[in-house]
mmCIF file of all heavy atoms, coordinates in Angstrom:
data_MODEL
# 
_entry.id   MODEL 
# 
loop_
_atom_site.group_PDB 
_atom_site.id 
_atom_site.type_symbol 
_atom_site.label_atom_id 
_atom_site.label_alt_id 
_atom_site.label_comp_id 
_atom_site.label_asym_id 
_atom_site.label_entity_id 
_atom_site.label_seq_id 
_atom_site.pdbx_PDB_ins_code 
_atom_site.Cartn_x 
_atom_site.Cartn_y 
_atom_site.Cartn_z 
_atom_site.occupancy 
_atom_site.B_iso_or_equiv 
_atom_site.pdbx_formal_charge 
_atom_site.auth_seq_id 
_atom_site.auth_comp_id 
_atom_site.auth_asym_id 
_atom_site.auth_atom_id 
_atom_site.pdbx_PDB_model_num 
ATOM 1   N N   . ILE A 1 1  ? 0.839  -1.202  0.000   1.00 0.00 ? 1  ILE A N   1 
ATOM 2   C CA  . ILE A 1 1  ? 0.000  0.000   0.000   1.00 0.00 ? 1  ILE A CA  1 
ATOM 3   C C   . ILE A 1 1  ? 0.872  1.249   0.000   1.00 0.00 ? 1  ILE A C   1 
ATOM 4   O O   . ILE A 1 1  ? 0.608  2.217   -0.727  1.00 0.00 ? 1  ILE A O   1 
ATOM 5   C CB  . ILE A 1 1  ? -0.953 -0.011  1.216   1.00 0.00 ? 1  ILE A CB  1 
ATOM 6   C CG1 . ILE A 1 1  ? -1.950 -1.172  1.110   1.00 0.00 ? 1  ILE A CG1 1 
ATOM 7   C CG2 . ILE A 1 1  ? -1.698 1.321   1.323   1.00 0.00 ? 1  ILE A CG2 1 
ATOM 8   C CD1 . ILE A 1 1  ? -2.704 -1.459  2.394   1.00 0.00 ? 1  ILE A CD1 1 
ATOM 9   N N   . CYS A 1 2  ? 1.928  1.230   0.818   1.00 0.00 ? 2  CYS A N   1 
ATOM 10  C CA  . CYS A 1 2  ? 2.849  2.370   0.856   1.00 0.00 ? 2  CYS A CA  1 
ATOM 11  C C   . CYS A 1 2  ? 3.505  2.599   -0.505  1.00 0.00 ? 2  CYS A C   1 
ATOM 12  O O   . CYS A 1 2  ? 3.671  3.741   -0.941  1.00 0.00 ? 2  CYS A O   1 
ATOM 13  C CB  . CYS A 1 2  ? 3.924  2.140   1.913   1.00 0.00 ? 2  CYS A CB  1 
ATOM 14  S SG  . CYS A 1 2  ? 3.322  2.121   3.616   1.00 0.00 ? 2  CYS A SG  1 
ATOM 15  N N   . ILE A 1 3  ? 3.858  1.523   -1.171  1.00 0.00 ? 3  ILE A N   1 
ATOM 16  C CA  . ILE A 1 3  ? 4.463  1.638   -2.498  1.00 0.00 ? 3  ILE A CA  1 
ATOM 17  C C   . ILE A 1 3  ? 3.447  2.180   -3.498  1.00 0.00 ? 3  ILE A C   1 
ATOM 18  O O   . ILE A 1 3  ? 3.767  3.019   -4.342  1.00 0.00 ? 3  ILE A O   1 
ATOM 19  C CB  . ILE A 1 3  ? 5.028  0.273   -2.948  1.00 0.00 ? 3  ILE A CB  1 
ATOM 20  C CG1 . ILE A 1 3  ? 6.195  -0.139  -2.034  1.00 0.00 ? 3  ILE A CG1 1 
ATOM 21  C CG2 . ILE A 1 3  ? 5.501  0.336   -4.403  1.00 0.00 ? 3  ILE A CG2 1 
ATOM 22  C CD1 . ILE A 1 3  ? 6.656  -1.572  -2.240  1.00 0.00 ? 3  ILE A CD1 1 
ATOM 23  N N   . ALA A 1 4  ? 2.185  1.708   -3.396  1.00 0.00 ? 4  ALA A N   1 
ATOM 24  C CA  . ALA A 1 4  ? 1.133  2.214   -4.285  1.00 0.00 ? 4  ALA A CA  1 
ATOM 25  C C   . ALA A 1 4  ? 0.931  3.707   -4.084  1.00 0.00 ? 4  ALA A C   1 
ATOM 26  O O   . ALA A 1 4  ? 0.749  4.463   -5.048  1.00 0.00 ? 4  ALA A O   1 
ATOM 27  C CB  . ALA A 1 4  ? -0.175 1.461   -4.031  1.00 0.00 ? 4  ALA A CB  1 
ATOM 28  N N   . ARG A 1 5  ? 0.960  4.157   -2.832  1.00 0.00 ? 5  ARG A N   1 
ATOM 29  C CA  . ARG A 1 5  ? 0.808  5.591   -2.541  1.00 0.00 ? 5  ARG A CA  1 
ATOM 30  C C   . ARG A 1 5  ? 1.938  6.396   -3.186  1.00 0.00 ? 5  ARG A C   1 
ATOM 31  O O   . ARG A 1 5  ? 1.720  7.495   -3.710  1.00 0.00 ? 5  ARG A O   1 
ATOM 32  C CB  . ARG A 1 5  ? 0.789  5.808   -1.026  1.00 0.00 ? 5  ARG A CB  1 
ATOM 33  C CG  . ARG A 1 5  ? 0.693  7.266   -0.609  1.00 0.00 ? 5  ARG A CG  1 
ATOM 34  C CD  . ARG A 1 5  ? 0.595  7.421   0.900   1.00 0.00 ? 5  ARG A CD  1 
ATOM 35  N NE  . ARG A 1 5  ? 1.742  6.835   1.589   1.00 0.00 ? 5  ARG A NE  1 
ATOM 36  C CZ  . ARG A 1 5  ? 1.836  6.702   2.911   1.00 0.00 ? 5  ARG A CZ  1 
ATOM 37  N NH1 . ARG A 1 5  ? 0.846  7.126   3.683   1.00 0.00 ? 5  ARG A NH1 1 
ATOM 38  N NH2 . ARG A 1 5  ? 2.907  6.159   3.463   1.00 0.00 ? 5  ARG A NH2 1 
ATOM 39  N N   . ALA A 1 6  ? 3.151  5.860   -3.142  1.00 0.00 ? 6  ALA A N   1 
ATOM 40  C CA  . ALA A 1 6  ? 4.282  6.546   -3.764  1.00 0.00 ? 6  ALA A CA  1 
ATOM 41  C C   . ALA A 1 6  ? 4.200  6.491   -5.281  1.00 0.00 ? 6  ALA A C   1 
ATOM 42  O O   . ALA A 1 6  ? 4.632  7.419   -5.974  1.00 0.00 ? 6  ALA A O   1 
ATOM 43  C CB  . ALA A 1 6  ? 5.590  5.919   -3.288  1.00 0.00 ? 6  ALA A CB  1 
ATOM 44  N N   . LEU A 1 7  ? 3.652  5.419   -5.804  1.00 0.00 ? 7  LEU A N   1 
ATOM 45  C CA  . LEU A 1 7  ? 3.625  5.188   -7.250  1.00 0.00 ? 7  LEU A CA  1 
ATOM 46  C C   . LEU A 1 7  ? 2.514  5.957   -7.955  1.00 0.00 ? 7  LEU A C   1 
ATOM 47  O O   . LEU A 1 7  ? 2.606  6.197   -9.167  1.00 0.00 ? 7  LEU A O   1 
ATOM 48  C CB  . LEU A 1 7  ? 3.458  3.679   -7.500  1.00 0.00 ? 7  LEU A CB  1 
ATOM 49  C CG  . LEU A 1 7  ? 3.650  3.144   -8.901  1.00 0.00 ? 7  LEU A CG  1 
ATOM 50  C CD1 . LEU A 1 7  ? 5.103  3.289   -9.345  1.00 0.00 ? 7  LEU A CD1 1 
ATOM 51  C CD2 . LEU A 1 7  ? 3.225  1.674   -8.958  1.00 0.00 ? 7  LEU A CD2 1 
ATOM 52  N N   . VAL A 1 8  ? 1.467  6.342   -7.225  1.00 0.00 ? 8  VAL A N   1 
ATOM 53  C CA  . VAL A 1 8  ? 0.264  6.867   -7.861  1.00 0.00 ? 8  VAL A CA  1 
ATOM 54  C C   . VAL A 1 8  ? 0.533  8.144   -8.650  1.00 0.00 ? 8  VAL A C   1 
ATOM 55  O O   . VAL A 1 8  ? -0.169 8.437   -9.636  1.00 0.00 ? 8  VAL A O   1 
ATOM 56  C CB  . VAL A 1 8  ? -0.851 7.085   -6.804  1.00 0.00 ? 8  VAL A CB  1 
ATOM 57  C CG1 . VAL A 1 8  ? -0.569 8.308   -5.940  1.00 0.00 ? 8  VAL A CG1 1 
ATOM 58  C CG2 . VAL A 1 8  ? -2.221 7.187   -7.475  1.00 0.00 ? 8  VAL A CG2 1 
ATOM 59  N N   . LEU A 1 9  ? 1.567  8.908   -8.275  1.00 0.00 ? 9  LEU A N   1 
ATOM 60  C CA  . LEU A 1 9  ? 1.903  10.135  -9.005  1.00 0.00 ? 9  LEU A CA  1 
ATOM 61  C C   . LEU A 1 9  ? 2.814  9.879   -10.203 1.00 0.00 ? 9  LEU A C   1 
ATOM 62  O O   . LEU A 1 9  ? 3.182  10.811  -10.916 1.00 0.00 ? 9  LEU A O   1 
ATOM 63  C CB  . LEU A 1 9  ? 2.577  11.139  -8.065  1.00 0.00 ? 9  LEU A CB  1 
ATOM 64  C CG  . LEU A 1 9  ? 1.682  11.753  -6.988  1.00 0.00 ? 9  LEU A CG  1 
ATOM 65  C CD1 . LEU A 1 9  ? 2.510  12.557  -6.003  1.00 0.00 ? 9  LEU A CD1 1 
ATOM 66  C CD2 . LEU A 1 9  ? 0.609  12.634  -7.619  1.00 0.00 ? 9  LEU A CD2 1 
ATOM 67  N N   . ARG A 1 10 ? 3.186  8.622   -10.393 1.00 0.00 ? 10 ARG A N   1 
ATOM 68  C CA  . ARG A 1 10 ? 4.121  8.241   -11.466 1.00 0.00 ? 10 ARG A CA  1 
ATOM 69  C C   . ARG A 1 10 ? 5.417  9.058   -11.355 1.00 0.00 ? 10 ARG A C   1 
ATOM 70  O O   . ARG A 1 10 ? 5.820  9.747   -12.304 1.00 0.00 ? 10 ARG A O   1 
ATOM 71  C CB  . ARG A 1 10 ? 3.491  8.415   -12.844 1.00 0.00 ? 10 ARG A CB  1 
ATOM 72  C CG  . ARG A 1 10 ? 2.260  7.555   -13.097 1.00 0.00 ? 10 ARG A CG  1 
ATOM 73  C CD  . ARG A 1 10 ? 2.622  6.073   -13.134 1.00 0.00 ? 10 ARG A CD  1 
ATOM 74  N NE  . ARG A 1 10 ? 1.493  5.258   -13.561 1.00 0.00 ? 10 ARG A NE  1 
ATOM 75  C CZ  . ARG A 1 10 ? 0.633  4.660   -12.737 1.00 0.00 ? 10 ARG A CZ  1 
ATOM 76  N NH1 . ARG A 1 10 ? 0.788  4.807   -11.420 1.00 0.00 ? 10 ARG A NH1 1 
ATOM 77  N NH2 . ARG A 1 10 ? -0.343 3.922   -13.196 1.00 0.00 ? 10 ARG A NH2 1 
ATOM 78  N N   . PRO A 1 11 ? 6.088  8.982   -10.214 1.00 0.00 ? 11 PRO A N   1 
ATOM 79  C CA  . PRO A 1 11 ? 7.314  9.776   -10.027 1.00 0.00 ? 11 PRO A CA  1 
ATOM 80  C C   . PRO A 1 11 ? 8.468  9.229   -10.855 1.00 0.00 ? 11 PRO A C   1 
ATOM 81  O O   . PRO A 1 11 ? 8.452  8.077   -11.294 1.00 0.00 ? 11 PRO A O   1 
ATOM 82  C CB  . PRO A 1 11 ? 7.598  9.615   -8.531  1.00 0.00 ? 11 PRO A CB  1 
ATOM 83  C CG  . PRO A 1 11 ? 7.057  8.245   -8.212  1.00 0.00 ? 11 PRO A CG  1 
ATOM 84  C CD  . PRO A 1 11 ? 5.810  8.123   -9.056  1.00 0.00 ? 11 PRO A CD  1 
ATOM 85  N N   . LYS A 1 12 ? 9.479  10.047  -11.026 1.00 0.00 ? 12 LYS A N   1 
ATOM 86  C CA  . LYS A 1 12 ? 10.690 9.596   -11.700 1.00 0.00 ? 12 LYS A CA  1 
ATOM 87  C C   . LYS A 1 12 ? 11.661 8.957   -10.705 1.00 0.00 ? 12 LYS A C   1 
ATOM 88  O O   . LYS A 1 12 ? 12.406 8.049   -11.063 1.00 0.00 ? 12 LYS A O   1 
ATOM 89  C CB  . LYS A 1 12 ? 11.372 10.773  -12.414 1.00 0.00 ? 12 LYS A CB  1 
ATOM 90  C CG  . LYS A 1 12 ? 10.540 11.351  -13.550 1.00 0.00 ? 12 LYS A CG  1 
ATOM 91  C CD  . LYS A 1 12 ? 11.310 12.421  -14.296 1.00 0.00 ? 12 LYS A CD  1 
ATOM 92  C CE  . LYS A 1 12 ? 10.451 13.036  -15.389 1.00 0.00 ? 12 LYS A CE  1 
ATOM 93  N NZ  . LYS A 1 12 ? 10.024 12.048  -16.398 1.00 0.00 ? 12 LYS A NZ  1 
ATOM 94  N N   . LEU A 1 13 ? 11.645 9.443   -9.447  1.00 0.00 ? 13 LEU A N   1 
ATOM 95  C CA  . LEU A 1 13 ? 12.561 8.947   -8.419  1.00 0.00 ? 13 LEU A CA  1 
ATOM 96  C C   . LEU A 1 13 ? 11.767 8.425   -7.236  1.00 0.00 ? 13 LEU A C   1 
ATOM 97  O O   . LEU A 1 13 ? 10.877 9.112   -6.721  1.00 0.00 ? 13 LEU A O   1 
ATOM 98  C CB  . LEU A 1 13 ? 13.499 10.074  -7.955  1.00 0.00 ? 13 LEU A CB  1 
ATOM 99  C CG  . LEU A 1 13 ? 14.403 9.778   -6.754  1.00 0.00 ? 13 LEU A CG  1 
ATOM 100 C CD1 . LEU A 1 13 ? 15.376 8.644   -7.067  1.00 0.00 ? 13 LEU A CD1 1 
ATOM 101 C CD2 . LEU A 1 13 ? 15.162 11.036  -6.340  1.00 0.00 ? 13 LEU A CD2 1 
ATOM 102 N N   . LEU A 1 14 ? 12.106 7.217   -6.788  1.00 0.00 ? 14 LEU A N   1 
ATOM 103 C CA  . LEU A 1 14 ? 11.493 6.649   -5.599  1.00 0.00 ? 14 LEU A CA  1 
ATOM 104 C C   . LEU A 1 14 ? 12.600 6.361   -4.588  1.00 0.00 ? 14 LEU A C   1 
ATOM 105 O O   . LEU A 1 14 ? 13.557 5.645   -4.888  1.00 0.00 ? 14 LEU A O   1 
ATOM 106 C CB  . LEU A 1 14 ? 10.722 5.375   -5.932  1.00 0.00 ? 14 LEU A CB  1 
ATOM 107 C CG  . LEU A 1 14 ? 9.771  4.867   -4.844  1.00 0.00 ? 14 LEU A CG  1 
ATOM 108 C CD1 . LEU A 1 14 ? 8.582  4.142   -5.487  1.00 0.00 ? 14 LEU A CD1 1 
ATOM 109 C CD2 . LEU A 1 14 ? 10.454 3.934   -3.861  1.00 0.00 ? 14 LEU A CD2 1 
ATOM 110 N N   . VAL A 1 15 ? 12.465 6.951   -3.413  1.00 0.00 ? 15 VAL A N   1 
ATOM 111 C CA  . VAL A 1 15 ? 13.419 6.740   -2.323  1.00 0.00 ? 15 VAL A CA  1 
ATOM 112 C C   . VAL A 1 15 ? 12.815 5.726   -1.363  1.00 0.00 ? 15 VAL A C   1 
ATOM 113 O O   . VAL A 1 15 ? 11.719 5.951   -0.824  1.00 0.00 ? 15 VAL A O   1 
ATOM 114 C CB  . VAL A 1 15 ? 13.727 8.057   -1.586  1.00 0.00 ? 15 VAL A CB  1 
ATOM 115 C CG1 . VAL A 1 15 ? 14.688 7.813   -0.421  1.00 0.00 ? 15 VAL A CG1 1 
ATOM 116 C CG2 . VAL A 1 15 ? 14.316 9.081   -2.558  1.00 0.00 ? 15 VAL A CG2 1 
ATOM 117 N N   . ALA A 1 16 ? 13.505 4.622   -1.151  1.00 0.00 ? 16 ALA A N   1 
ATOM 118 C CA  . ALA A 1 16 ? 13.021 3.553   -0.268  1.00 0.00 ? 16 ALA A CA  1 
ATOM 119 C C   . ALA A 1 16 ? 13.948 3.473   0.937   1.00 0.00 ? 16 ALA A C   1 
ATOM 120 O O   . ALA A 1 16 ? 15.113 3.096   0.812   1.00 0.00 ? 16 ALA A O   1 
ATOM 121 C CB  . ALA A 1 16 ? 12.977 2.224   -1.010  1.00 0.00 ? 16 ALA A CB  1 
ATOM 122 N N   . ASP A 1 17 ? 13.432 3.836   2.103   1.00 0.00 ? 17 ASP A N   1 
ATOM 123 C CA  . ASP A 1 17 ? 14.225 3.848   3.332   1.00 0.00 ? 17 ASP A CA  1 
ATOM 124 C C   . ASP A 1 17 ? 13.986 2.543   4.089   1.00 0.00 ? 17 ASP A C   1 
ATOM 125 O O   . ASP A 1 17 ? 12.941 2.358   4.708   1.00 0.00 ? 17 ASP A O   1 
ATOM 126 C CB  . ASP A 1 17 ? 13.834 5.052   4.190   1.00 0.00 ? 17 ASP A CB  1 
ATOM 127 C CG  . ASP A 1 17 ? 14.712 5.194   5.430   1.00 0.00 ? 17 ASP A CG  1 
ATOM 128 O OD1 . ASP A 1 17 ? 15.690 4.426   5.566   1.00 0.00 ? 17 ASP A OD1 1 
ATOM 129 O OD2 . ASP A 1 17 ? 14.423 6.070   6.262   1.00 0.00 ? 17 ASP A OD2 1 
ATOM 130 N N   . GLU A 1 18 ? 14.952 1.637   4.025   1.00 0.00 ? 18 GLU A N   1 
ATOM 131 C CA  . GLU A 1 18 ? 14.851 0.321   4.683   1.00 0.00 ? 18 GLU A CA  1 
ATOM 132 C C   . GLU A 1 18 ? 13.499 -0.325  4.366   1.00 0.00 ? 18 GLU A C   1 
ATOM 133 O O   . GLU A 1 18 ? 12.716 -0.632  5.271   1.00 0.00 ? 18 GLU A O   1 
ATOM 134 C CB  . GLU A 1 18 ? 15.020 0.478   6.200   1.00 0.00 ? 18 GLU A CB  1 
ATOM 135 C CG  . GLU A 1 18 ? 16.343 1.069   6.637   1.00 0.00 ? 18 GLU A CG  1 
ATOM 136 C CD  . GLU A 1 18 ? 17.470 0.050   6.688   1.00 0.00 ? 18 GLU A CD  1 
ATOM 137 O OE1 . GLU A 1 18 ? 17.271 -1.082  6.214   1.00 0.00 ? 18 GLU A OE1 1 
ATOM 138 O OE2 . GLU A 1 18 ? 18.548 0.407   7.178   1.00 0.00 ? 18 GLU A OE2 1 
ATOM 139 N N   . PRO A 1 19 ? 13.187 -0.565  3.095   1.00 0.00 ? 19 PRO A N   1 
ATOM 140 C CA  . PRO A 1 19 ? 11.828 -0.970  2.716   1.00 0.00 ? 19 PRO A CA  1 
ATOM 141 C C   . PRO A 1 19 ? 11.408 -2.353  3.197   1.00 0.00 ? 19 PRO A C   1 
ATOM 142 O O   . PRO A 1 19 ? 10.213 -2.658  3.179   1.00 0.00 ? 19 PRO A O   1 
ATOM 143 C CB  . PRO A 1 19 ? 11.869 -0.914  1.182   1.00 0.00 ? 19 PRO A CB  1 
ATOM 144 C CG  . PRO A 1 19 ? 13.306 -1.147  0.834   1.00 0.00 ? 19 PRO A CG  1 
ATOM 145 C CD  . PRO A 1 19 ? 14.078 -0.456  1.927   1.00 0.00 ? 19 PRO A CD  1 
ATOM 146 N N   . VAL A 1 20 ? 12.357 -3.194  3.613   1.00 0.00 ? 20 VAL A N   1 
ATOM 147 C CA  . VAL A 1 20 ? 11.973 -4.554  4.033   1.00 0.00 ? 20 VAL A CA  1 
ATOM 148 C C   . VAL A 1 20 ? 12.462 -4.898  5.429   1.00 0.00 ? 20 VAL A C   1 
ATOM 149 O O   . VAL A 1 20 ? 12.269 -6.024  5.882   1.00 0.00 ? 20 VAL A O   1 
ATOM 150 C CB  . VAL A 1 20 ? 12.487 -5.615  3.026   1.00 0.00 ? 20 VAL A CB  1 
ATOM 151 C CG1 . VAL A 1 20 ? 11.904 -5.369  1.643   1.00 0.00 ? 20 VAL A CG1 1 
ATOM 152 C CG2 . VAL A 1 20 ? 14.004 -5.642  2.971   1.00 0.00 ? 20 VAL A CG2 1 
ATOM 153 N N   . SER A 1 21 ? 13.050 -3.955  6.150   1.00 0.00 ? 21 SER A N   1 
ATOM 154 C CA  . SER A 1 21 ? 13.647 -4.287  7.442   1.00 0.00 ? 21 SER A CA  1 
ATOM 155 C C   . SER A 1 21 ? 12.606 -4.657  8.494   1.00 0.00 ? 21 SER A C   1 
ATOM 156 O O   . SER A 1 21 ? 12.922 -5.357  9.459   1.00 0.00 ? 21 SER A O   1 
ATOM 157 C CB  . SER A 1 21 ? 14.514 -3.131  7.954   1.00 0.00 ? 21 SER A CB  1 
ATOM 158 O OG  . SER A 1 21 ? 13.717 -1.992  8.213   1.00 0.00 ? 21 SER A OG  1 
ATOM 159 N N   . ALA A 1 22 ? 11.352 -4.184  8.329   1.00 0.00 ? 22 ALA A N   1 
ATOM 160 C CA  . ALA A 1 22 ? 10.306 -4.490  9.302   1.00 0.00 ? 22 ALA A CA  1 
ATOM 161 C C   . ALA A 1 22 ? 9.522  -5.751  8.936   1.00 0.00 ? 22 ALA A C   1 
ATOM 162 O O   . ALA A 1 22 ? 8.556  -6.094  9.622   1.00 0.00 ? 22 ALA A O   1 
ATOM 163 C CB  . ALA A 1 22 ? 9.348  -3.300  9.426   1.00 0.00 ? 22 ALA A CB  1 
ATOM 164 N N   . LEU A 1 23 ? 9.960  -6.449  7.875   1.00 0.00 ? 23 LEU A N   1 
ATOM 165 C CA  . LEU A 1 23 ? 9.204  -7.598  7.367   1.00 0.00 ? 23 LEU A CA  1 
ATOM 166 C C   . LEU A 1 23 ? 9.977  -8.893  7.549   1.00 0.00 ? 23 LEU A C   1 
ATOM 167 O O   . LEU A 1 23 ? 11.207 -8.899  7.655   1.00 0.00 ? 23 LEU A O   1 
ATOM 168 C CB  . LEU A 1 23 ? 8.902  -7.396  5.872   1.00 0.00 ? 23 LEU A CB  1 
ATOM 169 C CG  . LEU A 1 23 ? 8.192  -6.095  5.479   1.00 0.00 ? 23 LEU A CG  1 
ATOM 170 C CD1 . LEU A 1 23 ? 8.079  -6.007  3.969   1.00 0.00 ? 23 LEU A CD1 1 
ATOM 171 C CD2 . LEU A 1 23 ? 6.821  -6.006  6.133   1.00 0.00 ? 23 LEU A CD2 1 
ATOM 172 N N   . ASP A 1 24 ? 9.238  -10.013 7.589   1.00 0.00 ? 24 ASP A N   1 
ATOM 173 C CA  . ASP A 1 24 ? 9.880  -11.326 7.578   1.00 0.00 ? 24 ASP A CA  1 
ATOM 174 C C   . ASP A 1 24 ? 10.699 -11.489 6.304   1.00 0.00 ? 24 ASP A C   1 
ATOM 175 O O   . ASP A 1 24 ? 10.408 -10.868 5.275   1.00 0.00 ? 24 ASP A O   1 
ATOM 176 C CB  . ASP A 1 24 ? 8.826  -12.437 7.648   1.00 0.00 ? 24 ASP A CB  1 
ATOM 177 C CG  . ASP A 1 24 ? 8.092  -12.473 8.986   1.00 0.00 ? 24 ASP A CG  1 
ATOM 178 O OD1 . ASP A 1 24 ? 8.627  -11.906 9.957   1.00 0.00 ? 24 ASP A OD1 1 
ATOM 179 O OD2 . ASP A 1 24 ? 7.000  -13.051 9.051   1.00 0.00 ? 24 ASP A OD2 1 
# 
């Protein structure tokens, strides 16, 4: 969902801050 929120504007740059550290 967080990625979808970032993607909805069709940005050129996406900054991912520790995108999987809170996940299994």
